[in-house]
C-alpha atoms as a PDB file:
ATOM      1  CA  MET A   1     169.514 243.665  -7.883  1.00  0.00           C
ATOM      2  CA  ASN A   2     169.933 241.257  -4.977  1.00  0.00           C
ATOM      3  CA  LEU A   3     171.906 238.014  -4.834  1.00  0.00           C
ATOM      4  CA  ILE A   4     168.851 235.782  -5.367  1.00  0.00           C
ATOM      5  CA  ASP A   5     167.947 237.670  -8.562  1.00  0.00           C
ATOM      6  CA  LEU A   6     171.526 237.450  -9.822  1.00  0.00           C
ATOM      7  CA  ILE A   7     171.692 233.697  -9.219  1.00  0.00           C
ATOM      8  CA  ALA A   8     168.301 233.223 -10.893  1.00  0.00           C
ATOM      9  CA  ASN A   9     169.650 235.070 -13.949  1.00  0.00           C
ATOM     10  CA  ILE A  10     172.487 232.574 -14.508  1.00  0.00           C
ATOM     11  CA  HIS A  11     172.109 230.429 -17.623  1.00  0.00           C
ATOM     12  CA  TRP A  12     173.799 227.219 -16.501  1.00  0.00           C
ATOM     13  CA  ILE A  13     174.169 225.393 -19.838  1.00  0.00           C
ATOM     14  CA  PRO A  14     176.122 228.266 -21.450  1.00  0.00           C
ATOM     15  CA  VAL A  15     178.241 228.531 -18.295  1.00  0.00           C
ATOM     16  CA  ILE A  16     179.217 224.858 -18.605  1.00  0.00           C
ATOM     17  CA  VAL A  17     179.873 225.161 -22.352  1.00  0.00           C
ATOM     18  CA  LEU A  18     181.953 228.316 -21.912  1.00  0.00           C
ATOM     19  CA  THR A  19     183.915 226.794 -19.027  1.00  0.00           C
ATOM     20  CA  ILE A  20     184.990 224.020 -21.388  1.00  0.00           C
ATOM     21  CA  LEU A  21     185.660 226.563 -24.141  1.00  0.00           C
ATOM     22  CA  SER A  22     187.872 228.539 -21.735  1.00  0.00           C
ATOM     23  CA  PHE A  23     190.282 225.602 -21.709  1.00  0.00           C
ATOM     24  CA  VAL A  24     190.285 225.451 -25.503  1.00  0.00           C
ATOM     25  CA  LEU A  25     191.035 229.170 -25.740  1.00  0.00           C
ATOM     26  CA  GLY A  26     193.667 228.937 -22.994  1.00  0.00           C
ATOM     27  CA  PHE A  27     195.302 226.023 -24.797  1.00  0.00           C
ATOM     28  CA  ALA A  28     195.425 227.999 -28.049  1.00  0.00           C
ATOM     29  CA  TRP A  29     196.633 231.168 -26.273  1.00  0.00           C
ATOM     30  CA  HIS A  30     199.606 229.292 -24.828  1.00  0.00           C
ATOM     31  CA  GLN A  31     200.688 227.623 -28.072  1.00  0.00           C
ATOM     32  CA  PRO A  32     204.034 228.630 -29.623  1.00  0.00           C
ATOM     33  CA  PHE A  33     202.290 230.286 -32.585  1.00  0.00           C
ATOM     34  CA  LEU A  34     200.625 232.774 -30.194  1.00  0.00           C
ATOM     35  CA  PHE A  35     202.132 233.508 -26.771  1.00  0.00           C
ATOM     36  CA  GLY A  36     203.415 230.104 -25.598  1.00  0.00           C
ATOM     37  CA  LYS A  37     207.112 230.712 -26.180  1.00  0.00           C
ATOM     38  CA  ALA A  38     207.115 234.091 -24.466  1.00  0.00           C
ATOM     39  CA  TRP A  39     204.914 232.808 -21.625  1.00  0.00           C
ATOM     40  CA  LYS A  40     207.225 229.861 -20.987  1.00  0.00           C
ATOM     41  CA  ARG A  41     210.329 232.061 -21.165  1.00  0.00           C
ATOM     42  CA  GLU A  42     208.844 234.579 -18.698  1.00  0.00           C
ATOM     43  CA  ASN A  43     207.691 231.873 -16.264  1.00  0.00           C
ATOM     44  CA  ASN A  44     210.820 229.731 -16.431  1.00  0.00           C
ATOM     45  CA  PRO A  45     213.766 231.728 -17.820  1.00  0.00           C
ATOM     46  CA  THR A  46     216.317 229.037 -16.862  1.00  0.00           C
ATOM     47  CA  ASN A  47     214.230 226.285 -18.480  1.00  0.00           C
ATOM     48  CA  ALA A  48     214.561 224.202 -15.312  1.00  0.00           C
ATOM     49  CA  PRO A  49     212.378 221.091 -15.082  1.00  0.00           C
ATOM     50  CA  VAL A  50     209.049 221.887 -13.432  1.00  0.00           C
ATOM     51  CA  LYS A  51     206.935 219.359 -11.578  1.00  0.00           C
ATOM     52  CA  ILE A  52     203.219 220.148 -11.635  1.00  0.00           C
ATOM     53  CA  ASN A  53     200.158 218.733  -9.942  1.00  0.00           C
ATOM     54  CA  ALA A  54     197.986 218.479 -13.066  1.00  0.00           C
ATOM     55  CA  PRO A  55     194.751 217.343 -11.339  1.00  0.00           C
ATOM     56  CA  LEU A  56     194.945 220.254  -8.903  1.00  0.00           C
ATOM     57  CA  ILE A  57     195.853 222.784 -11.603  1.00  0.00           C
ATOM     58  CA  PHE A  58     193.232 221.723 -14.147  1.00  0.00           C
ATOM     59  CA  GLY A  59     190.517 220.880 -11.609  1.00  0.00           C
ATOM     60  CA  GLY A  60     191.064 224.082  -9.654  1.00  0.00           C
ATOM     61  CA  THR A  61     191.141 226.148 -12.829  1.00  0.00           C
ATOM     62  CA  ALA A  62     187.901 224.549 -14.019  1.00  0.00           C
ATOM     63  CA  ILE A  63     186.161 225.423 -10.746  1.00  0.00           C
ATOM     64  CA  LEU A  64     187.505 228.984 -10.753  1.00  0.00           C
ATOM     65  CA  HIS A  65     186.557 229.549 -14.403  1.00  0.00           C
ATOM     66  CA  PHE A  66     183.100 228.111 -13.729  1.00  0.00           C
ATOM     67  CA  VAL A  67     182.554 230.565 -10.856  1.00  0.00           C
ATOM     68  CA  ALA A  68     183.848 233.520 -12.911  1.00  0.00           C
ATOM     69  CA  ILE A  69     181.732 232.646 -15.964  1.00  0.00           C
ATOM     70  CA  ALA A  70     178.635 232.023 -13.811  1.00  0.00           C
ATOM     71  CA  SER A  71     179.152 235.469 -12.276  1.00  0.00           C
ATOM     72  CA  LEU A  72     179.480 237.021 -15.712  1.00  0.00           C
ATOM     73  CA  SER A  73     176.295 235.204 -16.735  1.00  0.00           C
ATOM     74  CA  ALA A  74     174.480 236.641 -13.718  1.00  0.00           C
ATOM     75  CA  LEU A  75     175.410 240.134 -14.889  1.00  0.00           C
ATOM     76  CA  SER A  76     174.997 239.683 -18.653  1.00  0.00           C
ATOM     77  CA  ALA A  77     172.652 236.838 -19.614  1.00  0.00           C
ATOM     78  CA  GLY A  78     170.074 237.891 -22.153  1.00  0.00           C
ATOM     79  CA  LEU A  79     170.938 241.608 -22.068  1.00  0.00           C
ATOM     80  CA  GLY A  80     172.312 241.749 -25.605  1.00  0.00           C
ATOM     81  CA  ALA A  81     175.686 241.341 -27.252  1.00  0.00           C
ATOM     82  CA  MET A  82     177.039 244.824 -26.547  1.00  0.00           C
ATOM     83  CA  VAL A  83     176.012 244.821 -22.880  1.00  0.00           C
ATOM     84  CA  GLY A  84     177.581 241.389 -22.409  1.00  0.00           C
ATOM     85  CA  PHE A  85     180.755 242.410 -24.255  1.00  0.00           C
ATOM     86  CA  THR A  86     181.031 245.624 -22.251  1.00  0.00           C
ATOM     87  CA  ASN A  87     180.461 243.791 -18.965  1.00  0.00           C
ATOM     88  CA  GLY A  88     183.174 241.255 -19.829  1.00  0.00           C
ATOM     89  CA  LEU A  89     185.593 243.970 -20.910  1.00  0.00           C
ATOM     90  CA  PHE A  90     184.874 246.034 -17.789  1.00  0.00           C
ATOM     91  CA  VAL A  91     185.334 243.058 -15.466  1.00  0.00           C
ATOM     92  CA  SER A  92     188.661 242.296 -17.150  1.00  0.00           C
ATOM     93  CA  ILE A  93     190.037 245.822 -17.050  1.00  0.00           C
ATOM     94  CA  ALA A  94     188.566 246.949 -13.725  1.00  0.00           C
ATOM     95  CA  TRP A  95     188.957 243.785 -11.626  1.00  0.00           C
ATOM     96  CA  VAL A  96     191.070 241.086 -13.267  1.00  0.00           C
ATOM     97  CA  LEU A  97     193.956 243.240 -14.513  1.00  0.00           C
ATOM     98  CA  PRO A  98     194.414 245.228 -11.271  1.00  0.00           C
ATOM     99  CA  SER A  99     194.138 242.085  -9.126  1.00  0.00           C
ATOM    100  CA  MET A 100     196.643 240.164 -11.214  1.00  0.00           C
ATOM    101  CA  GLY A 101     198.827 243.259 -11.521  1.00  0.00           C
ATOM    102  CA  GLY A 102     199.160 243.662  -7.771  1.00  0.00           C
ATOM    103  CA  THR A 103     200.017 239.990  -7.358  1.00  0.00           C
ATOM    104  CA  TYR A 104     202.550 240.148 -10.199  1.00  0.00           C
ATOM    105  CA  LEU A 105     204.214 243.223  -8.686  1.00  0.00           C
ATOM    106  CA  PHE A 106     204.641 241.530  -5.308  1.00  0.00           C
ATOM    107  CA  ALA A 107     205.826 238.316  -6.979  1.00  0.00           C
ATOM    108  CA  ASN A 108     208.322 240.303  -9.073  1.00  0.00           C
ATOM    109  CA  ARG A 109     206.838 238.940 -12.296  1.00  0.00           C
ATOM    110  CA  SER A 110     207.307 240.794 -15.551  1.00  0.00           C
ATOM    111  CA  LEU A 111     204.862 243.190 -17.141  1.00  0.00           C
ATOM    112  CA  LYS A 112     205.175 241.101 -20.301  1.00  0.00           C
ATOM    113  CA  LEU A 113     203.848 238.068 -18.429  1.00  0.00           C
ATOM    114  CA  LEU A 114     201.059 240.195 -16.960  1.00  0.00           C
ATOM    115  CA  ALA A 115     200.121 241.379 -20.454  1.00  0.00           C
ATOM    116  CA  ILE A 116     199.994 237.793 -21.737  1.00  0.00           C
ATOM    117  CA  ASP A 117     197.967 236.446 -18.810  1.00  0.00           C
ATOM    118  CA  ALA A 118     195.611 239.390 -18.305  1.00  0.00           C
ATOM    119  CA  GLY A 119     195.276 239.720 -22.076  1.00  0.00           C
ATOM    120  CA  MET A 120     193.931 236.196 -22.276  1.00  0.00           C
ATOM    121  CA  TYR A 121     191.295 236.933 -19.646  1.00  0.00           C
ATOM    122  CA  THR A 122     190.357 240.189 -21.355  1.00  0.00           C
ATOM    123  CA  VAL A 123     189.707 238.297 -24.591  1.00  0.00           C
ATOM    124  CA  VAL A 124     187.955 235.417 -22.802  1.00  0.00           C
ATOM    125  CA  PHE A 125     185.642 237.537 -20.637  1.00  0.00           C
ATOM    126  CA  SER A 126     184.828 240.013 -23.409  1.00  0.00           C
ATOM    127  CA  LEU A 127     183.990 237.205 -25.844  1.00  0.00           C
ATOM    128  CA  PHE A 128     182.101 235.204 -23.228  1.00  0.00           C
ATOM    129  CA  GLY A 129     180.180 238.288 -22.096  1.00  0.00           C
ATOM    130  CA  LEU A 130     179.126 238.832 -25.706  1.00  0.00           C
ATOM    131  CA  ILE A 131     178.016 235.192 -26.000  1.00  0.00           C
ATOM    132  CA  LEU A 132     176.172 235.251 -22.668  1.00  0.00           C
ATOM    133  CA  GLY A 133     174.485 238.495 -23.622  1.00  0.00           C
ATOM    134  CA  VAL A 134     172.795 236.835 -26.578  1.00  0.00           C
ATOM    135  CA  TRP A 135     172.383 233.266 -25.262  1.00  0.00           C
END
């Protein structure tokens, strides 16, 4: 399959909907009742005040999620729930986890933090692959 065919296979409305849903799932994932306390402790063990650039963080994340979900749509759209789920799971385990893992090793970040962050993307891409497979 060439690039033109892949781009033509993207279902843009689901990509937009799932990009928005990725923020909802990320918000829930980082709540204290799930992984929020551990994530915060691993990222900021001294609990020092942190200044963030919210427009850059949220805007950049939206663009990056949009690109990732559009790519997953190109590979999975209309191929069925199991193909979409498997594609999302494979992308997470074969590309996302190793890429994040290498970065986390060089940044001296904990394996616990890697499990929380990569775990979220494994759930997100597997679920979104399933949805894109049937949409």
